[in-house]
Amino acid sequence: PNVLPMTIVVMGKSGVHRGQGQITLTPTTPSGEVMPPLPIQVVFEGDNDRSFTAFGTVGFPVKEAGPYWFEVALDGVVLTYTAIRVVYMRSYLNLNPQQPPA
């Protein structure tokens, strides 16, 4: 598998939730394999309109091209789903470039 460097950003509003919580991002491969979850600790504080932002860089292993879906859950309760699409693009390396005319 290849490892893609990814920056993950999760933002939300506290609503009625207070205190510490755990956001869990659980990826699923295009072929349906559920990958290990990515836990993110967050703190909800203040009024209902207060928000949080959590971010970090991860090495995301990919085995195949296609959409990778992420289940987003808070303390085990699924909130939403989001996806990224991995596209395989073959790159050719020119080992003998021609010099431009002088």
N, C-alpha and C. Protein backbone atom coordinates (compact mmCIF):
# COMPACT_ATOMS: atom_id res chain seq x y z
N PRO A 1 0.83 -1.21 0.00
CA PRO A 1 0.00 0.00 0.00
C PRO A 1 0.86 1.26 0.00
N ASN A 2 0.35 2.29 -0.61
CA ASN A 2 1.00 3.60 -0.58
C ASN A 2 0.48 4.38 0.61
N VAL A 3 1.29 5.29 1.12
CA VAL A 3 0.87 6.14 2.23
C VAL A 3 0.78 7.57 1.74
N LEU A 4 -0.40 8.14 1.83
CA LEU A 4 -0.62 9.52 1.42
C LEU A 4 -0.58 10.42 2.65
N PRO A 5 0.21 11.50 2.61
CA PRO A 5 0.15 12.45 3.73
C PRO A 5 -1.15 13.24 3.62
N MET A 6 -1.92 13.26 4.67
CA MET A 6 -3.21 13.97 4.68
C MET A 6 -3.30 14.86 5.90
N THR A 7 -3.87 16.03 5.71
CA THR A 7 -4.22 16.88 6.83
C THR A 7 -5.72 16.72 7.06
N ILE A 8 -6.08 16.32 8.28
CA ILE A 8 -7.48 16.11 8.62
C ILE A 8 -7.94 17.29 9.47
N VAL A 9 -9.09 17.85 9.11
CA VAL A 9 -9.68 18.96 9.86
C VAL A 9 -11.12 18.58 10.19
N VAL A 10 -11.47 18.66 11.47
CA VAL A 10 -12.84 18.40 11.92
C VAL A 10 -13.29 19.62 12.70
N MET A 11 -14.43 20.18 12.31
CA MET A 11 -14.99 21.36 12.99
C MET A 11 -16.43 21.06 13.38
N GLY A 12 -16.85 21.63 14.49
CA GLY A 12 -18.22 21.42 14.92
C GLY A 12 -18.64 22.43 15.97
N LYS A 13 -19.92 22.42 16.26
CA LYS A 13 -20.49 23.27 17.32
C LYS A 13 -20.90 22.38 18.47
N SER A 14 -20.83 22.93 19.68
CA SER A 14 -21.10 22.11 20.86
C SER A 14 -22.57 21.78 21.01
N GLY A 15 -23.47 22.67 20.62
CA GLY A 15 -24.88 22.40 20.85
C GLY A 15 -25.12 22.18 22.32
N VAL A 16 -25.80 21.10 22.68
CA VAL A 16 -26.08 20.81 24.09
C VAL A 16 -24.99 19.96 24.73
N HIS A 17 -24.03 19.48 23.94
CA HIS A 17 -22.96 18.63 24.47
C HIS A 17 -21.98 19.47 25.27
N ARG A 18 -21.57 18.99 26.45
CA ARG A 18 -20.60 19.69 27.30
C ARG A 18 -19.52 18.72 27.74
N GLY A 19 -18.34 19.24 27.97
CA GLY A 19 -17.26 18.42 28.48
C GLY A 19 -16.46 17.77 27.37
N GLN A 20 -15.71 16.74 27.75
CA GLN A 20 -14.85 16.05 26.81
C GLN A 20 -15.65 15.09 25.95
N GLY A 21 -15.15 14.87 24.77
CA GLY A 21 -15.77 13.91 23.86
C GLY A 21 -14.72 13.34 22.93
N GLN A 22 -15.08 12.28 22.23
CA GLN A 22 -14.16 11.70 21.27
C GLN A 22 -14.82 11.63 19.91
N ILE A 23 -14.22 12.34 18.95
CA ILE A 23 -14.63 12.22 17.56
C ILE A 23 -13.86 11.03 16.99
N THR A 24 -14.55 10.16 16.27
CA THR A 24 -13.91 9.02 15.65
C THR A 24 -14.18 9.06 14.16
N LEU A 25 -13.10 9.02 13.38
CA LEU A 25 -13.21 8.93 11.92
C LEU A 25 -12.86 7.50 11.53
N THR A 26 -13.83 6.78 10.95
CA THR A 26 -13.60 5.39 10.57
C THR A 26 -13.67 5.29 9.05
N PRO A 27 -12.51 5.08 8.40
CA PRO A 27 -12.50 5.00 6.94
C PRO A 27 -12.91 3.62 6.43
N THR A 28 -13.51 3.61 5.24
CA THR A 28 -13.87 2.38 4.54
C THR A 28 -13.30 2.47 3.13
N THR A 29 -12.61 1.43 2.69
CA THR A 29 -11.99 1.42 1.36
C THR A 29 -13.06 1.31 0.27
N PRO A 30 -12.68 1.57 -0.98
CA PRO A 30 -13.64 1.43 -2.08
C PRO A 30 -14.22 0.02 -2.19
N SER A 31 -13.47 -1.00 -1.76
CA SER A 31 -13.98 -2.38 -1.83
C SER A 31 -14.77 -2.79 -0.59
N GLY A 32 -14.94 -1.85 0.38
CA GLY A 32 -15.78 -2.13 1.54
C GLY A 32 -15.04 -2.54 2.80
N GLU A 33 -13.72 -2.59 2.78
CA GLU A 33 -12.96 -2.97 3.97
C GLU A 33 -12.94 -1.81 4.98
N VAL A 34 -13.36 -2.09 6.21
CA VAL A 34 -13.35 -1.07 7.26
C VAL A 34 -11.94 -0.99 7.84
N MET A 35 -11.38 0.21 7.84
CA MET A 35 -10.01 0.43 8.31
C MET A 35 -10.04 0.83 9.79
N PRO A 36 -8.89 0.80 10.46
CA PRO A 36 -8.86 1.20 11.87
C PRO A 36 -9.30 2.66 12.05
N PRO A 37 -10.06 2.94 13.11
CA PRO A 37 -10.56 4.31 13.34
C PRO A 37 -9.44 5.27 13.76
N LEU A 38 -9.68 6.54 13.48
CA LEU A 38 -8.78 7.62 13.89
C LEU A 38 -9.48 8.40 14.99
N PRO A 39 -9.07 8.25 16.26
CA PRO A 39 -9.73 8.96 17.36
C PRO A 39 -9.16 10.38 17.52
N ILE A 40 -10.04 11.33 17.82
CA ILE A 40 -9.65 12.72 18.07
C ILE A 40 -10.36 13.19 19.33
N GLN A 41 -9.60 13.57 20.35
CA GLN A 41 -10.19 14.06 21.60
C GLN A 41 -10.57 15.54 21.43
N VAL A 42 -11.76 15.92 21.85
CA VAL A 42 -12.22 17.30 21.77
C VAL A 42 -12.85 17.70 23.10
N VAL A 43 -12.96 19.02 23.33
CA VAL A 43 -13.61 19.54 24.54
C VAL A 43 -14.70 20.51 24.10
N PHE A 44 -15.91 20.28 24.60
CA PHE A 44 -17.04 21.16 24.34
C PHE A 44 -17.26 22.02 25.57
N GLU A 45 -17.26 23.31 25.39
CA GLU A 45 -17.43 24.19 26.54
C GLU A 45 -18.25 25.41 26.14
N GLY A 46 -18.76 26.11 27.13
CA GLY A 46 -19.45 27.37 26.90
C GLY A 46 -20.86 27.23 26.39
N ASP A 47 -21.29 28.25 25.67
CA ASP A 47 -22.65 28.33 25.16
C ASP A 47 -22.90 27.34 24.02
N ASN A 48 -24.16 27.23 23.63
CA ASN A 48 -24.55 26.32 22.56
C ASN A 48 -23.90 26.66 21.23
N ASP A 49 -23.49 27.91 21.06
CA ASP A 49 -22.93 28.31 19.77
C ASP A 49 -21.41 28.28 19.74
N ARG A 50 -20.77 27.77 20.79
CA ARG A 50 -19.31 27.65 20.79
C ARG A 50 -18.90 26.51 19.86
N SER A 51 -17.72 26.63 19.28
CA SER A 51 -17.30 25.61 18.33
C SER A 51 -15.93 25.06 18.70
N PHE A 52 -15.54 24.00 18.00
CA PHE A 52 -14.22 23.42 18.17
C PHE A 52 -13.64 23.15 16.78
N THR A 53 -12.33 23.14 16.71
CA THR A 53 -11.61 22.76 15.50
C THR A 53 -10.48 21.83 15.92
N ALA A 54 -10.43 20.68 15.32
CA ALA A 54 -9.36 19.71 15.59
C ALA A 54 -8.70 19.38 14.25
N PHE A 55 -7.38 19.36 14.25
CA PHE A 55 -6.69 19.03 13.00
C PHE A 55 -5.37 18.34 13.28
N GLY A 56 -4.88 17.65 12.28
CA GLY A 56 -3.60 16.95 12.40
C GLY A 56 -3.22 16.33 11.08
N THR A 57 -1.96 15.96 10.96
CA THR A 57 -1.46 15.32 9.76
C THR A 57 -1.27 13.83 10.03
N VAL A 58 -1.74 13.01 9.12
CA VAL A 58 -1.61 11.56 9.26
C VAL A 58 -1.07 10.98 7.96
N GLY A 59 -0.44 9.83 8.06
CA GLY A 59 -0.08 9.05 6.88
C GLY A 59 -1.21 8.07 6.62
N PHE A 60 -1.96 8.29 5.55
CA PHE A 60 -3.15 7.49 5.27
C PHE A 60 -2.81 6.39 4.27
N PRO A 61 -2.89 5.11 4.66
CA PRO A 61 -2.54 4.02 3.74
C PRO A 61 -3.65 3.76 2.73
N VAL A 62 -3.29 3.72 1.46
CA VAL A 62 -4.27 3.42 0.40
C VAL A 62 -3.79 2.20 -0.38
N LYS A 63 -4.72 1.31 -0.68
CA LYS A 63 -4.42 0.09 -1.43
C LYS A 63 -5.01 0.11 -2.83
N GLU A 64 -6.01 0.97 -3.02
CA GLU A 64 -6.73 0.96 -4.29
C GLU A 64 -7.30 2.35 -4.58
N ALA A 65 -7.56 2.58 -5.86
CA ALA A 65 -8.16 3.84 -6.27
C ALA A 65 -9.67 3.77 -6.03
N GLY A 66 -10.28 4.95 -5.86
CA GLY A 66 -11.72 5.03 -5.66
C GLY A 66 -12.07 5.85 -4.44
N PRO A 67 -13.37 5.88 -4.10
CA PRO A 67 -13.79 6.70 -2.94
C PRO A 67 -13.55 5.98 -1.61
N TYR A 68 -12.92 6.68 -0.69
CA TYR A 68 -12.74 6.22 0.69
C TYR A 68 -13.72 7.01 1.54
N TRP A 69 -14.70 6.32 2.11
CA TRP A 69 -15.70 6.97 2.95
C TRP A 69 -15.25 7.00 4.39
N PHE A 70 -15.55 8.11 5.08
CA PHE A 70 -15.22 8.27 6.49
C PHE A 70 -16.51 8.43 7.28
N GLU A 71 -16.73 7.52 8.22
CA GLU A 71 -17.84 7.68 9.17
C GLU A 71 -17.34 8.61 10.27
N VAL A 72 -18.10 9.66 10.56
CA VAL A 72 -17.75 10.62 11.61
C VAL A 72 -18.70 10.41 12.78
N ALA A 73 -18.15 10.03 13.94
CA ALA A 73 -18.97 9.75 15.12
C ALA A 73 -18.48 10.55 16.31
N LEU A 74 -19.39 10.88 17.20
CA LEU A 74 -19.06 11.53 18.47
C LEU A 74 -19.50 10.59 19.58
N ASP A 75 -18.53 10.15 20.37
CA ASP A 75 -18.79 9.22 21.47
C ASP A 75 -19.64 8.03 21.02
N GLY A 76 -19.31 7.49 19.84
CA GLY A 76 -19.99 6.30 19.33
C GLY A 76 -21.27 6.55 18.57
N VAL A 77 -21.75 7.79 18.51
CA VAL A 77 -22.98 8.12 17.78
C VAL A 77 -22.59 8.71 16.43
N VAL A 78 -23.03 8.06 15.35
CA VAL A 78 -22.68 8.51 14.00
C VAL A 78 -23.36 9.85 13.72
N LEU A 79 -22.54 10.82 13.28
CA LEU A 79 -23.05 12.15 12.95
C LEU A 79 -23.23 12.33 11.45
N THR A 80 -22.24 11.89 10.67
CA THR A 80 -22.30 12.09 9.23
C THR A 80 -21.25 11.23 8.56
N TYR A 81 -21.21 11.30 7.24
CA TYR A 81 -20.21 10.62 6.42
C TYR A 81 -19.62 11.63 5.45
N THR A 82 -18.34 11.44 5.13
CA THR A 82 -17.70 12.27 4.11
C THR A 82 -16.71 11.37 3.38
N ALA A 83 -16.25 11.80 2.19
CA ALA A 83 -15.40 10.93 1.38
C ALA A 83 -14.27 11.71 0.71
N ILE A 84 -13.22 10.98 0.38
CA ILE A 84 -12.19 11.48 -0.52
C ILE A 84 -12.09 10.47 -1.66
N ARG A 85 -11.69 10.93 -2.82
CA ARG A 85 -11.50 10.03 -3.96
C ARG A 85 -10.01 9.95 -4.26
N VAL A 86 -9.48 8.74 -4.25
CA VAL A 86 -8.09 8.50 -4.58
C VAL A 86 -8.03 8.11 -6.05
N VAL A 87 -7.19 8.83 -6.81
CA VAL A 87 -7.04 8.59 -8.23
C VAL A 87 -5.60 8.18 -8.51
N TYR A 88 -5.44 7.10 -9.25
CA TYR A 88 -4.11 6.63 -9.63
C TYR A 88 -3.72 7.28 -10.94
N MET A 89 -2.59 7.97 -10.94
CA MET A 89 -2.09 8.60 -12.16
C MET A 89 -0.65 8.14 -12.38
N ARG A 90 -0.41 7.45 -13.48
CA ARG A 90 0.94 6.99 -13.79
C ARG A 90 1.78 8.18 -14.20
N SER A 91 2.98 8.25 -13.68
CA SER A 91 3.90 9.33 -13.98
C SER A 91 5.11 8.74 -14.69
N TYR A 92 5.52 9.38 -15.78
CA TYR A 92 6.68 8.92 -16.52
C TYR A 92 7.85 9.83 -16.23
N LEU A 93 8.99 9.24 -15.95
CA LEU A 93 10.20 9.98 -15.66
C LEU A 93 11.08 9.94 -16.91
N ASN A 94 11.39 11.11 -17.45
CA ASN A 94 12.24 11.20 -18.62
C ASN A 94 13.69 11.22 -18.16
N LEU A 95 14.38 10.08 -18.34
CA LEU A 95 15.76 9.96 -17.87
C LEU A 95 16.77 10.54 -18.85
N ASN A 96 16.35 10.87 -20.08
CA ASN A 96 17.27 11.39 -21.08
C ASN A 96 16.65 12.61 -21.75
N PRO A 97 16.49 13.69 -21.01
CA PRO A 97 15.85 14.87 -21.62
C PRO A 97 16.75 15.47 -22.71
N GLN A 98 16.13 15.92 -23.76
CA GLN A 98 16.87 16.56 -24.84
C GLN A 98 17.17 18.00 -24.45
N GLN A 99 18.36 18.42 -24.80
CA GLN A 99 18.75 19.79 -24.54
C GLN A 99 18.13 20.71 -25.59
N PRO A 100 17.66 21.87 -25.17
CA PRO A 100 17.14 22.82 -26.18
C PRO A 100 18.28 23.33 -27.05
N PRO A 101 17.97 23.66 -28.30
CA PRO A 101 19.03 24.17 -29.17
C PRO A 101 19.62 25.46 -28.64
N ALA A 102 20.93 25.63 -28.82
CA ALA A 102 21.63 26.82 -28.33
C ALA A 102 21.50 27.98 -29.28
